[in-house]
Amino acid sequence: MRALDALGRALALAGSMTWQITWSLILGFTLSAVVQALVRRSTVIRLLGDDRPAALARAAGFGAASSSCSYAAVALARSLFRKGASFTAAMVFEIASTNLVIELGIILALLIAWQFTLAEFIGGPIMIIALAVAFRLFVSQRLVAGARRQADRGLAGSMEGHAAMDMSIASSGPLRRRLLSREGYTSVSHIFVMEWAAVLRDVLGGLLIAGAVGAWVPASFWQHLFLAGHPLAAQIWGPLIGPVIAVLSFVCSIGNVPLAAVLWNGGISFGGVVSFIFADLIIIPILVIYRKYYGTRMMLVLLGLFYATMVLAGYLVELIFGGLGLVPATRAAKVTDVSITWNYTTILNIVFLLVAVALVVRFLASGGLPMLRMMGGRPDDAGHPAHDQHAHGVTDL
């Protein structure tokens, strides 16, 4: 009976967090779909051929306008690399795709605090700059050449089919006219549904893990782990331990935000939360994919440099926000069991669920259903008749 009560408590916490963030997730993915519908993959590839600052800035911008699914981002980065993008630009694209996206910022502000949204958009560029410098210092051209040979073998990872799909609007003209057109509606609906299909596993997994951790792990455990009684030690330790917890949690994409909320309430430092969220790109399943894509040596280099730059970004964000007095004074992330009442959350959930229904209906009516079966396809899969007929076909990068 006690076990059932504990399970019920965990599910209640997970359900409560789900209800609180539903509208924000739909809003974030809708805005992301609109942006992705306007950005053509061919343009991305053409502009990322070197690792000069301008190319890396474009890589970050294109990444922020891309899929927030970590697996799709990793697959797409490999595809960009194979098509001629520099390795550094491909990795910058990957980081921005998972850490500088609209939906992540919205859910951070809603579930924890707006300061964390700001921290992500400041810490992300810090990590990108640090990584670019680290690549110049520690990654030789010989190592990159070996990674390219391995990448050209085309070994499948995860979400390859999704990464190969270009669902942007093919027609030209003013942005407003393109978006409000029938083709624009179709493109946005396809991207919206495919993005949800790509990240749903991680979002649900993150919510369930956060619910279980919040219900079953006593606050005293986190306080001891994060050295909560020693402020300076906690600030030093937080960015170091944050990525380690992320690696062990196996949760990526925006699915790690609910767990970040639990960790923040438990006593991890502000910078520790930032480094934890960045670490979705070094969880164990993605490290296995790096090994397939680029070889064991490059996988280990990526693990080491990603970890070091995540920690550095966490430290600098802690210093900047602490100096400006922007670190939240209270730990009040929304991980409590809240009952459903008639309030702004309920109203917004209803409104945005209707928006989601409209986009799903358009997706189904425009022949998008077969695309879902292609999400895990081969990295060199090309074309899809159901999507081609709407003039913005599924194409290989």
Protein backbone atom coordinates (compact mmCIF):
# COMPACT_ATOMS: atom_id res chain seq x y z
CA MET A 1 0.00 0.00 0.00
CA ARG A 2 2.85 2.35 0.85
CA ALA A 3 4.44 1.65 -2.55
CA LEU A 4 1.19 2.54 -4.30
CA ASP A 5 0.95 5.78 -2.32
CA ALA A 6 4.51 6.67 -3.31
CA LEU A 7 3.78 5.90 -6.96
CA GLY A 8 0.62 7.97 -6.82
CA ARG A 9 2.53 10.89 -5.33
CA ALA A 10 5.14 10.72 -8.10
CA LEU A 11 2.49 10.57 -10.82
CA ALA A 12 0.58 13.43 -9.22
CA LEU A 13 3.69 15.63 -9.26
CA ALA A 14 4.42 14.69 -12.87
CA GLY A 15 0.82 15.39 -13.85
CA SER A 16 0.82 18.72 -12.06
CA MET A 17 3.96 19.88 -13.85
CA THR A 18 2.52 18.67 -17.16
CA TRP A 19 -0.62 20.74 -16.64
CA GLN A 20 1.39 23.84 -15.71
CA ILE A 21 3.59 23.75 -18.81
CA THR A 22 1.22 22.40 -21.50
CA TRP A 23 0.28 25.76 -23.01
CA SER A 24 3.87 27.00 -22.96
CA LEU A 25 5.11 23.89 -24.75
CA ILE A 26 2.49 24.27 -27.48
CA LEU A 27 3.25 27.99 -27.84
CA GLY A 28 7.00 27.33 -28.00
CA PHE A 29 6.72 24.58 -30.59
CA THR A 30 4.31 26.65 -32.67
CA LEU A 31 6.70 29.62 -32.74
CA SER A 32 9.59 27.28 -33.48
CA ALA A 33 7.63 25.72 -36.37
CA VAL A 34 6.94 29.16 -37.82
CA VAL A 35 10.65 30.03 -37.73
CA GLN A 36 11.73 26.68 -39.18
CA ALA A 37 9.17 27.02 -41.97
CA LEU A 38 10.97 30.19 -43.12
CA VAL A 39 14.54 28.85 -43.03
CA ARG A 40 15.69 26.67 -45.94
CA ARG A 41 18.28 23.96 -45.31
CA SER A 42 20.15 24.79 -48.51
CA THR A 43 20.79 28.26 -47.13
CA VAL A 44 22.14 26.83 -43.87
CA ILE A 45 24.62 24.54 -45.65
CA ARG A 46 25.89 27.28 -47.96
CA LEU A 47 26.76 29.64 -45.11
CA LEU A 48 28.57 27.28 -42.72
CA GLY A 49 31.67 26.32 -44.67
CA ASP A 50 34.32 27.61 -42.26
CA ASP A 51 34.89 28.37 -38.59
CA ARG A 52 35.32 32.14 -38.77
CA PRO A 53 33.30 34.17 -36.25
CA ALA A 54 30.69 35.20 -38.85
CA ALA A 55 30.08 31.57 -39.86
CA LEU A 56 29.81 30.48 -36.23
CA ALA A 57 27.35 33.29 -35.50
CA ARG A 58 25.24 32.13 -38.45
CA ALA A 59 25.49 28.53 -37.20
CA ALA A 60 24.18 29.64 -33.80
CA GLY A 61 21.35 31.57 -35.43
CA PHE A 62 20.33 28.71 -37.67
CA GLY A 63 20.57 26.29 -34.76
CA ALA A 64 18.25 28.46 -32.68
CA ALA A 65 15.78 28.28 -35.57
CA SER A 66 16.00 24.50 -35.82
CA SER A 67 14.73 21.39 -34.05
CA SER A 68 15.01 21.30 -30.25
CA CYS A 69 15.22 17.50 -30.24
CA SER A 70 18.75 16.60 -29.15
CA TYR A 71 18.87 13.44 -31.26
CA ALA A 72 17.65 15.25 -34.37
CA ALA A 73 20.09 18.12 -33.72
CA VAL A 74 23.01 15.68 -33.46
CA ALA A 75 21.96 13.89 -36.65
CA LEU A 76 21.48 17.17 -38.49
CA ALA A 77 24.89 18.45 -37.36
CA ARG A 78 26.53 15.31 -38.79
CA SER A 79 24.63 15.80 -42.05
CA LEU A 80 25.76 19.44 -42.27
CA PHE A 81 29.34 18.33 -41.65
CA ARG A 82 29.12 15.73 -44.42
CA LYS A 83 27.74 18.32 -46.83
CA GLY A 84 30.60 20.75 -46.34
CA ALA A 85 30.03 22.67 -43.10
CA SER A 86 33.09 22.99 -40.87
CA PHE A 87 33.16 20.69 -37.87
CA THR A 88 33.17 23.63 -35.45
CA ALA A 89 30.18 25.23 -37.18
CA ALA A 90 28.31 21.90 -37.07
CA MET A 91 28.91 21.59 -33.31
CA VAL A 92 27.88 25.22 -32.72
CA PHE A 93 24.69 24.54 -34.67
CA GLU A 94 24.06 21.51 -32.46
CA ILE A 95 24.54 23.46 -29.22
CA ALA A 96 22.28 26.31 -30.33
CA SER A 97 19.64 23.90 -31.60
CA THR A 98 19.15 22.39 -28.14
CA ASN A 99 19.93 25.34 -25.87
CA LEU A 100 18.95 28.58 -27.62
CA VAL A 101 15.47 27.63 -28.81
CA ILE A 102 12.23 29.43 -28.04
CA GLU A 103 10.43 26.57 -26.35
CA LEU A 104 13.26 26.00 -23.85
CA GLY A 105 13.18 29.65 -22.79
CA ILE A 106 9.42 29.65 -22.30
CA ILE A 107 9.30 26.49 -20.19
CA LEU A 108 12.26 27.64 -18.05
CA ALA A 109 10.52 30.91 -17.26
CA LEU A 110 7.23 29.20 -16.46
CA LEU A 111 8.50 26.25 -14.43
CA ILE A 112 11.46 27.83 -12.59
CA ALA A 113 12.02 31.58 -13.11
CA TRP A 114 12.63 34.09 -15.89
CA GLN A 115 16.23 34.52 -14.75
CA PHE A 116 16.99 31.00 -15.98
CA THR A 117 15.69 31.86 -19.43
CA LEU A 118 18.01 34.86 -19.54
CA ALA A 119 20.85 32.71 -18.20
CA GLU A 120 20.41 30.17 -20.99
CA PHE A 121 20.54 32.83 -23.68
CA ILE A 122 23.63 34.38 -22.12
CA GLY A 123 25.33 31.14 -21.15
CA GLY A 124 24.73 29.56 -24.57
CA PRO A 125 26.89 32.09 -26.47
CA ILE A 126 29.53 31.86 -23.72
CA MET A 127 29.71 28.11 -24.20
CA ILE A 128 29.83 28.50 -27.99
CA ILE A 129 32.73 30.98 -27.86
CA ALA A 130 34.61 28.80 -25.36
CA LEU A 131 34.07 25.72 -27.51
CA ALA A 132 35.27 27.49 -30.68
CA VAL A 133 38.46 28.52 -28.88
CA ALA A 134 38.92 25.02 -27.46
CA PHE A 135 38.51 23.44 -30.91
CA ARG A 136 41.22 25.72 -32.31
CA LEU A 137 43.57 24.80 -29.47
CA PHE A 138 42.92 21.08 -29.04
CA VAL A 139 41.29 19.64 -32.17
CA SER A 140 43.77 18.99 -34.97
CA GLN A 141 42.95 18.88 -38.66
CA ARG A 142 44.03 15.25 -38.65
CA LEU A 143 41.42 14.46 -36.01
CA VAL A 144 38.75 16.34 -37.99
CA ALA A 145 39.74 14.48 -41.16
CA GLY A 146 39.35 11.18 -39.35
CA ALA A 147 35.95 12.27 -38.04
CA ARG A 148 34.90 13.20 -41.59
CA ARG A 149 35.91 9.77 -42.91
CA GLN A 150 33.87 8.14 -40.15
CA ALA A 151 30.92 10.48 -40.79
CA ASP A 152 30.97 9.64 -44.50
CA ARG A 153 30.36 6.00 -43.66
CA GLY A 154 26.78 7.07 -42.97
CA LEU A 155 26.20 4.90 -39.91
CA ALA A 156 22.69 5.40 -38.54
CA GLY A 157 22.21 7.03 -35.16
CA SER A 158 18.78 8.23 -34.02
CA MET A 159 16.13 10.45 -35.62
CA GLU A 160 17.99 10.31 -38.95
CA GLY A 161 14.81 10.52 -40.99
CA HIS A 162 13.61 13.53 -39.03
CA ALA A 163 16.94 15.31 -39.50
CA ALA A 164 16.80 14.67 -43.26
CA MET A 165 13.42 16.36 -43.69
CA ASP A 166 13.34 19.91 -45.02
CA MET A 167 9.79 21.09 -44.36
CA SER A 168 10.40 24.78 -44.98
CA ILE A 169 8.18 26.81 -47.31
CA ALA A 170 9.53 26.50 -50.85
CA SER A 171 7.71 29.46 -52.40
CA SER A 172 9.20 32.94 -52.47
CA GLY A 173 7.69 36.27 -51.53
CA PRO A 174 7.18 38.40 -48.40
CA LEU A 175 7.32 36.50 -45.10
CA ARG A 176 3.76 37.42 -44.15
CA ARG A 177 2.33 36.14 -47.43
CA ARG A 178 4.33 32.92 -47.24
CA LEU A 179 3.21 32.20 -43.68
CA LEU A 180 -0.46 33.00 -44.29
CA SER A 181 -0.60 30.90 -47.45
CA ARG A 182 -2.04 27.40 -47.64
CA GLU A 183 1.48 26.06 -48.11
CA GLY A 184 2.65 27.99 -45.05
CA TYR A 185 -0.10 26.48 -42.90
CA THR A 186 0.83 23.01 -44.13
CA SER A 187 4.53 23.55 -43.50
CA VAL A 188 3.99 24.84 -39.96
CA SER A 189 1.63 21.96 -39.16
CA HIS A 190 4.12 19.36 -40.43
CA ILE A 191 7.01 20.84 -38.47
CA PHE A 192 4.88 21.22 -35.34
CA VAL A 193 3.74 17.59 -35.31
CA MET A 194 7.15 16.18 -36.27
CA GLU A 195 8.86 18.21 -33.53
CA TRP A 196 6.40 16.92 -30.95
CA ALA A 197 6.88 13.36 -32.16
CA ALA A 198 10.66 13.78 -31.87
CA VAL A 199 10.72 15.11 -28.29
CA LEU A 200 7.61 13.55 -26.74
CA ARG A 201 9.55 10.61 -25.30
CA ASP A 202 12.05 12.91 -23.60
CA VAL A 203 9.43 15.36 -22.35
CA LEU A 204 7.34 12.59 -20.78
CA GLY A 205 10.45 10.85 -19.47
CA GLY A 206 11.69 14.07 -17.91
CA LEU A 207 8.35 14.75 -16.26
CA LEU A 208 8.12 11.22 -14.85
CA ILE A 209 11.70 11.27 -13.58
CA ALA A 210 11.17 14.71 -12.03
CA GLY A 211 7.95 13.51 -10.40
CA ALA A 212 9.65 10.43 -9.00
CA VAL A 213 12.68 12.36 -7.76
CA GLY A 214 10.51 15.09 -6.25
CA ALA A 215 8.31 12.55 -4.47
CA TRP A 216 10.85 9.94 -3.38
CA VAL A 217 14.17 11.71 -2.79
CA PRO A 218 14.24 13.64 0.50
CA ALA A 219 15.32 17.28 0.42
CA SER A 220 18.15 16.50 2.83
CA PHE A 221 19.83 14.28 0.21
CA TRP A 222 19.99 17.11 -2.32
CA GLN A 223 21.11 19.62 0.28
CA HIS A 224 24.03 17.40 1.25
CA LEU A 225 24.90 16.57 -2.36
CA PHE A 226 24.90 20.21 -3.42
CA LEU A 227 26.65 21.50 -0.27
CA ALA A 228 23.70 23.80 0.33
CA GLY A 229 25.02 24.87 3.75
CA HIS A 230 28.24 26.22 2.26
CA PRO A 231 27.43 28.98 -0.29
CA LEU A 232 30.90 29.36 -1.84
CA ALA A 233 31.51 25.61 -2.03
CA ALA A 234 28.03 25.15 -3.55
CA GLN A 235 28.80 27.71 -6.28
CA ILE A 236 32.03 25.88 -7.13
CA TRP A 237 30.52 22.39 -6.93
CA GLY A 238 27.21 23.07 -8.73
CA PRO A 239 28.50 23.51 -12.30
CA LEU A 240 30.76 20.48 -11.85
CA ILE A 241 28.08 18.08 -10.61
CA GLY A 242 25.22 19.40 -12.79
CA PRO A 243 26.40 17.81 -16.06
CA VAL A 244 27.20 14.55 -14.27
CA ILE A 245 23.60 14.26 -13.07
CA ALA A 246 22.40 15.07 -16.61
CA VAL A 247 24.58 12.31 -18.08
CA LEU A 248 23.18 9.77 -15.63
CA SER A 249 19.56 10.88 -16.11
CA PHE A 250 19.48 9.89 -19.81
CA VAL A 251 16.98 12.74 -20.42
CA CYS A 252 17.65 15.31 -23.13
CA SER A 253 15.96 18.04 -25.17
CA ILE A 254 13.61 20.15 -23.06
CA GLY A 255 12.72 17.06 -21.03
CA ASN A 256 15.49 17.91 -18.57
CA VAL A 257 13.83 21.17 -17.45
CA PRO A 258 11.41 19.52 -14.97
CA LEU A 259 14.36 17.72 -13.36
CA ALA A 260 16.29 21.01 -13.32
CA ALA A 261 13.39 22.49 -11.35
CA VAL A 262 13.66 19.68 -8.78
CA LEU A 263 17.43 20.19 -8.51
CA TRP A 264 17.01 23.95 -8.04
CA ASN A 265 14.54 23.42 -5.21
CA GLY A 266 16.94 20.86 -3.78
CA GLY A 267 19.80 23.35 -3.46
CA ILE A 268 21.97 23.18 -6.60
CA SER A 269 23.58 26.50 -7.47
CA PHE A 270 22.28 28.85 -10.17
CA GLY A 271 25.26 28.04 -12.40
CA GLY A 272 24.75 24.36 -11.67
CA VAL A 273 21.27 24.49 -13.19
CA VAL A 274 22.67 26.15 -16.31
CA SER A 275 25.42 23.56 -16.79
CA PHE A 276 22.92 20.75 -16.10
CA ILE A 277 20.61 21.96 -18.88
CA PHE A 278 23.49 22.35 -21.33
CA ALA A 279 24.58 18.78 -20.69
CA ASP A 280 21.79 17.16 -22.71
CA LEU A 281 24.38 16.80 -25.50
CA ILE A 282 26.63 14.46 -23.49
CA ILE A 283 24.11 11.98 -22.09
CA ILE A 284 25.18 8.37 -22.59
CA PRO A 285 22.92 7.51 -25.58
CA ILE A 286 24.22 10.56 -27.47
CA LEU A 287 27.84 9.69 -26.64
CA VAL A 288 27.20 6.31 -28.27
CA ILE A 289 25.92 8.14 -31.35
CA TYR A 290 29.00 10.40 -31.41
CA ARG A 291 31.14 7.27 -31.47
CA LYS A 292 29.21 5.97 -34.48
CA TYR A 293 29.32 9.30 -36.26
CA TYR A 294 32.88 10.47 -35.62
CA GLY A 295 34.84 7.62 -34.03
CA THR A 296 35.89 6.85 -30.47
CA ARG A 297 38.67 9.42 -30.27
CA MET A 298 36.51 12.32 -31.40
CA MET A 299 33.70 11.17 -29.10
CA LEU A 300 36.05 11.40 -26.12
CA VAL A 301 37.29 14.81 -27.27
CA LEU A 302 33.70 16.06 -27.57
CA LEU A 303 32.86 14.70 -24.13
CA GLY A 304 35.84 16.44 -22.55
CA LEU A 305 35.48 19.79 -24.34
CA PHE A 306 31.70 19.93 -24.02
CA TYR A 307 31.94 19.19 -20.30
CA ALA A 308 34.68 21.78 -19.74
CA THR A 309 32.81 24.52 -21.62
CA MET A 310 29.52 23.70 -19.89
CA VAL A 311 31.21 24.07 -16.52
CA LEU A 312 32.90 27.31 -17.60
CA ALA A 313 29.58 28.71 -18.84
CA GLY A 314 27.98 27.77 -15.51
CA TYR A 315 30.70 29.57 -13.56
CA LEU A 316 30.54 32.72 -15.67
CA VAL A 317 26.76 32.86 -15.54
CA GLU A 318 26.92 32.47 -11.75
CA LEU A 319 29.42 35.35 -11.51
CA ILE A 320 27.52 37.63 -13.90
CA PHE A 321 24.09 37.09 -12.41
CA GLY A 322 25.40 37.12 -8.86
CA GLY A 323 27.19 40.40 -9.50
CA LEU A 324 24.04 41.93 -10.97
CA GLY A 325 21.83 40.60 -8.18
CA LEU A 326 19.77 38.50 -10.61
CA VAL A 327 20.08 35.12 -8.91
CA PRO A 328 16.60 34.30 -7.51
CA ALA A 329 16.47 34.75 -3.75
CA THR A 330 13.95 31.92 -3.27
CA ARG A 331 13.77 28.37 -4.57
CA ALA A 332 10.17 28.12 -5.67
CA ALA A 333 10.18 26.08 -8.88
CA LYS A 334 6.75 24.64 -9.65
CA VAL A 335 7.19 20.99 -8.70
CA THR A 336 4.37 20.74 -6.17
CA ASP A 337 1.11 18.86 -6.55
CA VAL A 338 -1.31 21.57 -7.72
CA SER A 339 -4.96 20.80 -8.40
CA ILE A 340 -6.62 21.99 -11.60
CA THR A 341 -8.67 25.13 -11.05
CA TRP A 342 -10.29 27.72 -13.30
CA ASN A 343 -7.39 30.14 -13.66
CA TYR A 344 -5.15 31.59 -16.35
CA THR A 345 -3.29 28.27 -16.74
CA THR A 346 -6.52 26.41 -17.51
CA ILE A 347 -7.66 29.08 -19.96
CA LEU A 348 -4.32 29.14 -21.77
CA ASN A 349 -4.19 25.34 -21.89
CA ILE A 350 -7.62 25.23 -23.53
CA VAL A 351 -6.71 27.92 -26.07
CA PHE A 352 -3.41 26.35 -27.06
CA LEU A 353 -4.78 22.81 -27.08
CA LEU A 354 -7.25 24.06 -29.70
CA VAL A 355 -4.32 25.50 -31.66
CA ALA A 356 -2.58 22.13 -31.43
CA VAL A 357 -5.71 20.32 -32.62
CA ALA A 358 -5.95 22.64 -35.64
CA LEU A 359 -2.33 21.95 -36.58
CA VAL A 360 -2.69 18.18 -36.09
CA VAL A 361 -5.83 18.14 -38.23
CA ARG A 362 -3.99 20.03 -40.98
CA PHE A 363 -1.06 17.63 -40.68
CA LEU A 364 -3.33 14.62 -41.17
CA ALA A 365 -5.43 16.23 -43.91
CA SER A 366 -2.33 17.15 -45.93
CA GLY A 367 -0.95 13.61 -45.98
CA GLY A 368 1.62 14.01 -43.23
CA LEU A 369 0.96 10.74 -41.39
CA PRO A 370 3.42 8.62 -43.45
CA MET A 371 6.20 11.04 -42.41
CA LEU A 372 6.03 9.74 -38.86
CA ARG A 373 7.14 6.32 -40.08
CA MET A 374 10.20 7.90 -41.69
CA MET A 375 11.51 9.63 -38.55
CA GLY A 376 14.03 6.94 -37.71
CA GLY A 377 15.09 6.37 -41.32
CA ARG A 378 18.57 6.15 -42.75
CA PRO A 379 20.75 9.28 -42.87
CA ASP A 380 20.70 9.25 -46.67
CA ASP A 381 16.96 8.72 -47.08
CA ALA A 382 15.58 11.26 -49.54
CA GLY A 383 12.23 12.40 -50.75
CA HIS A 384 8.75 11.69 -49.60
CA PRO A 385 5.84 11.85 -52.00
CA ALA A 386 3.27 12.88 -49.41
CA HIS A 387 5.30 15.89 -48.52
CA ASP A 388 6.62 16.70 -51.99
CA GLN A 389 3.10 17.25 -53.26
CA HIS A 390 2.81 20.26 -50.96
CA ALA A 391 5.82 21.96 -52.55
CA HIS A 392 8.18 21.81 -49.61
CA GLY A 393 9.19 18.17 -49.81
CA VAL A 394 11.12 15.95 -47.48
CA THR A 395 14.63 16.03 -48.86
CA ASP A 396 18.04 14.86 -47.92
CA LEU A 397 20.37 17.55 -46.73
